[in-house]
Amino acid sequence: MLYDHGMSGLSNWGPVVVIILGYVIGFYFQNRRIDDLRDAMNGRFSDMNGRFSDLKDFIRSETSRLEDRMERIEHPVVKPSR
């Protein structure tokens, strides 16, 4: 029997190359999806940080307003009687 060793090696390695190429392309696109997910999560976290910052400012303003009211209750202004 006559075998062409050049073609035999190529025919054996062809499917292996295709499979490896498929894995490499899969890893590439999977990595891109993970990067997209990371960017989306970072965007959501920055939005939440902004909301918490607004909430902190609101709580501070309300706390100072309530402290002022309590101060006025503790020390009422008495009008002089006529």
C-alpha atoms as a PDB file:
ATOM      1  CA  MET A   1       0.000   0.000   0.000  1.00  0.00           C
ATOM      2  CA  LEU A   2       1.140   3.433  -0.821  1.00  0.00           C
ATOM      3  CA  TYR A   3       0.462   6.215   1.660  1.00  0.00           C
ATOM      4  CA  ASP A   4       1.210   9.842   1.178  1.00  0.00           C
ATOM      5  CA  HIS A   5       2.427  10.854   4.632  1.00  0.00           C
ATOM      6  CA  GLY A   6       2.021  14.560   3.835  1.00  0.00           C
ATOM      7  CA  MET A   7      -1.715  14.264   3.198  1.00  0.00           C
ATOM      8  CA  SER A   8      -2.220  11.854   6.073  1.00  0.00           C
ATOM      9  CA  GLY A   9      -0.715  14.288   8.581  1.00  0.00           C
ATOM     10  CA  LEU A  10      -2.708  17.175   7.181  1.00  0.00           C
ATOM     11  CA  SER A  11      -5.955  15.227   7.237  1.00  0.00           C
ATOM     12  CA  ASN A  12      -5.345  14.248  10.874  1.00  0.00           C
ATOM     13  CA  TRP A  13      -4.475  17.760  12.042  1.00  0.00           C
ATOM     14  CA  GLY A  14      -7.174  19.592  10.078  1.00  0.00           C
ATOM     15  CA  PRO A  15     -10.028  18.818  12.484  1.00  0.00           C
ATOM     16  CA  VAL A  16      -7.774  19.612  15.452  1.00  0.00           C
ATOM     17  CA  VAL A  17      -6.964  23.028  14.011  1.00  0.00           C
ATOM     18  CA  VAL A  18     -10.655  23.718  13.390  1.00  0.00           C
ATOM     19  CA  ILE A  19     -11.558  22.736  16.981  1.00  0.00           C
ATOM     20  CA  ILE A  20      -8.762  24.846  18.468  1.00  0.00           C
ATOM     21  CA  LEU A  21      -9.760  27.779  16.280  1.00  0.00           C
ATOM     22  CA  GLY A  22     -13.348  27.381  17.505  1.00  0.00           C
ATOM     23  CA  TYR A  23     -12.193  27.470  21.117  1.00  0.00           C
ATOM     24  CA  VAL A  24     -10.056  30.569  20.523  1.00  0.00           C
ATOM     25  CA  ILE A  25     -12.942  32.404  18.839  1.00  0.00           C
ATOM     26  CA  GLY A  26     -15.287  31.294  21.631  1.00  0.00           C
ATOM     27  CA  PHE A  27     -12.930  32.584  24.317  1.00  0.00           C
ATOM     28  CA  TYR A  28     -12.574  35.879  22.475  1.00  0.00           C
ATOM     29  CA  PHE A  29     -16.309  36.515  22.218  1.00  0.00           C
ATOM     30  CA  GLN A  30     -16.972  35.255  25.749  1.00  0.00           C
ATOM     31  CA  ASN A  31     -14.336  37.663  27.059  1.00  0.00           C
ATOM     32  CA  ARG A  32     -16.022  40.522  25.194  1.00  0.00           C
ATOM     33  CA  ARG A  33     -19.372  39.629  26.773  1.00  0.00           C
ATOM     34  CA  ILE A  34     -17.775  39.583  30.220  1.00  0.00           C
ATOM     35  CA  ASP A  35     -16.253  43.010  29.548  1.00  0.00           C
ATOM     36  CA  ASP A  36     -19.664  44.309  28.449  1.00  0.00           C
ATOM     37  CA  LEU A  37     -21.231  42.893  31.618  1.00  0.00           C
ATOM     38  CA  ARG A  38     -18.501  44.504  33.738  1.00  0.00           C
ATOM     39  CA  ASP A  39     -19.110  47.881  32.067  1.00  0.00           C
ATOM     40  CA  ALA A  40     -22.865  47.585  32.650  1.00  0.00           C
ATOM     41  CA  MET A  41     -22.350  46.702  36.319  1.00  0.00           C
ATOM     42  CA  ASN A  42     -19.928  49.612  36.811  1.00  0.00           C
ATOM     43  CA  GLY A  43     -22.525  51.932  35.295  1.00  0.00           C
ATOM     44  CA  ARG A  44     -25.199  50.659  37.665  1.00  0.00           C
ATOM     45  CA  PHE A  45     -22.918  51.001  40.675  1.00  0.00           C
ATOM     46  CA  SER A  46     -22.028  54.582  39.745  1.00  0.00           C
ATOM     47  CA  ASP A  47     -25.763  55.362  39.405  1.00  0.00           C
ATOM     48  CA  MET A  48     -26.398  53.883  42.846  1.00  0.00           C
ATOM     49  CA  ASN A  49     -23.518  55.893  44.340  1.00  0.00           C
ATOM     50  CA  GLY A  50     -25.084  59.044  42.923  1.00  0.00           C
ATOM     51  CA  ARG A  51     -28.456  58.154  44.422  1.00  0.00           C
ATOM     52  CA  PHE A  52     -26.909  57.430  47.809  1.00  0.00           C
ATOM     53  CA  SER A  53     -25.077  60.746  47.654  1.00  0.00           C
ATOM     54  CA  ASP A  54     -28.373  62.526  46.968  1.00  0.00           C
ATOM     55  CA  LEU A  55     -30.009  60.612  49.828  1.00  0.00           C
ATOM     56  CA  LYS A  56     -27.196  61.584  52.222  1.00  0.00           C
ATOM     57  CA  ASP A  57     -27.610  65.255  51.265  1.00  0.00           C
ATOM     58  CA  PHE A  58     -31.360  65.024  51.805  1.00  0.00           C
ATOM     59  CA  ILE A  59     -30.940  63.386  55.220  1.00  0.00           C
ATOM     60  CA  ARG A  60     -28.399  66.023  56.275  1.00  0.00           C
ATOM     61  CA  SER A  61     -30.710  68.863  55.259  1.00  0.00           C
ATOM     62  CA  GLU A  62     -33.699  67.302  57.003  1.00  0.00           C
ATOM     63  CA  THR A  63     -31.657  66.612  60.130  1.00  0.00           C
ATOM     64  CA  SER A  64     -30.486  70.218  60.353  1.00  0.00           C
ATOM     65  CA  ARG A  65     -34.060  71.437  59.770  1.00  0.00           C
ATOM     66  CA  LEU A  66     -35.372  69.199  62.569  1.00  0.00           C
ATOM     67  CA  GLU A  67     -32.589  70.316  64.907  1.00  0.00           C
ATOM     68  CA  ASP A  68     -33.574  73.937  64.270  1.00  0.00           C
ATOM     69  CA  ARG A  69     -37.212  73.173  65.061  1.00  0.00           C
ATOM     70  CA  MET A  70     -36.291  71.315  68.226  1.00  0.00           C
ATOM     71  CA  GLU A  71     -34.112  74.246  69.285  1.00  0.00           C
ATOM     72  CA  ARG A  72     -37.066  76.608  68.833  1.00  0.00           C
ATOM     73  CA  ILE A  73     -39.324  74.281  70.858  1.00  0.00           C
ATOM     74  CA  GLU A  74     -36.785  74.095  73.695  1.00  0.00           C
ATOM     75  CA  HIS A  75     -36.276  77.886  73.733  1.00  0.00           C
ATOM     76  CA  PRO A  76     -39.512  79.525  72.622  1.00  0.00           C
ATOM     77  CA  VAL A  77     -39.649  83.193  71.881  1.00  0.00           C
ATOM     78  CA  VAL A  78     -41.942  84.832  74.413  1.00  0.00           C
ATOM     79  CA  LYS A  79     -43.781  87.923  73.292  1.00  0.00           C
ATOM     80  CA  PRO A  80     -43.827  90.695  75.808  1.00  0.00           C
ATOM     81  CA  SER A  81     -47.239  91.216  77.320  1.00  0.00           C
ATOM     82  CA  ARG A  82     -48.882  94.644  77.006  1.00  0.00           C
END
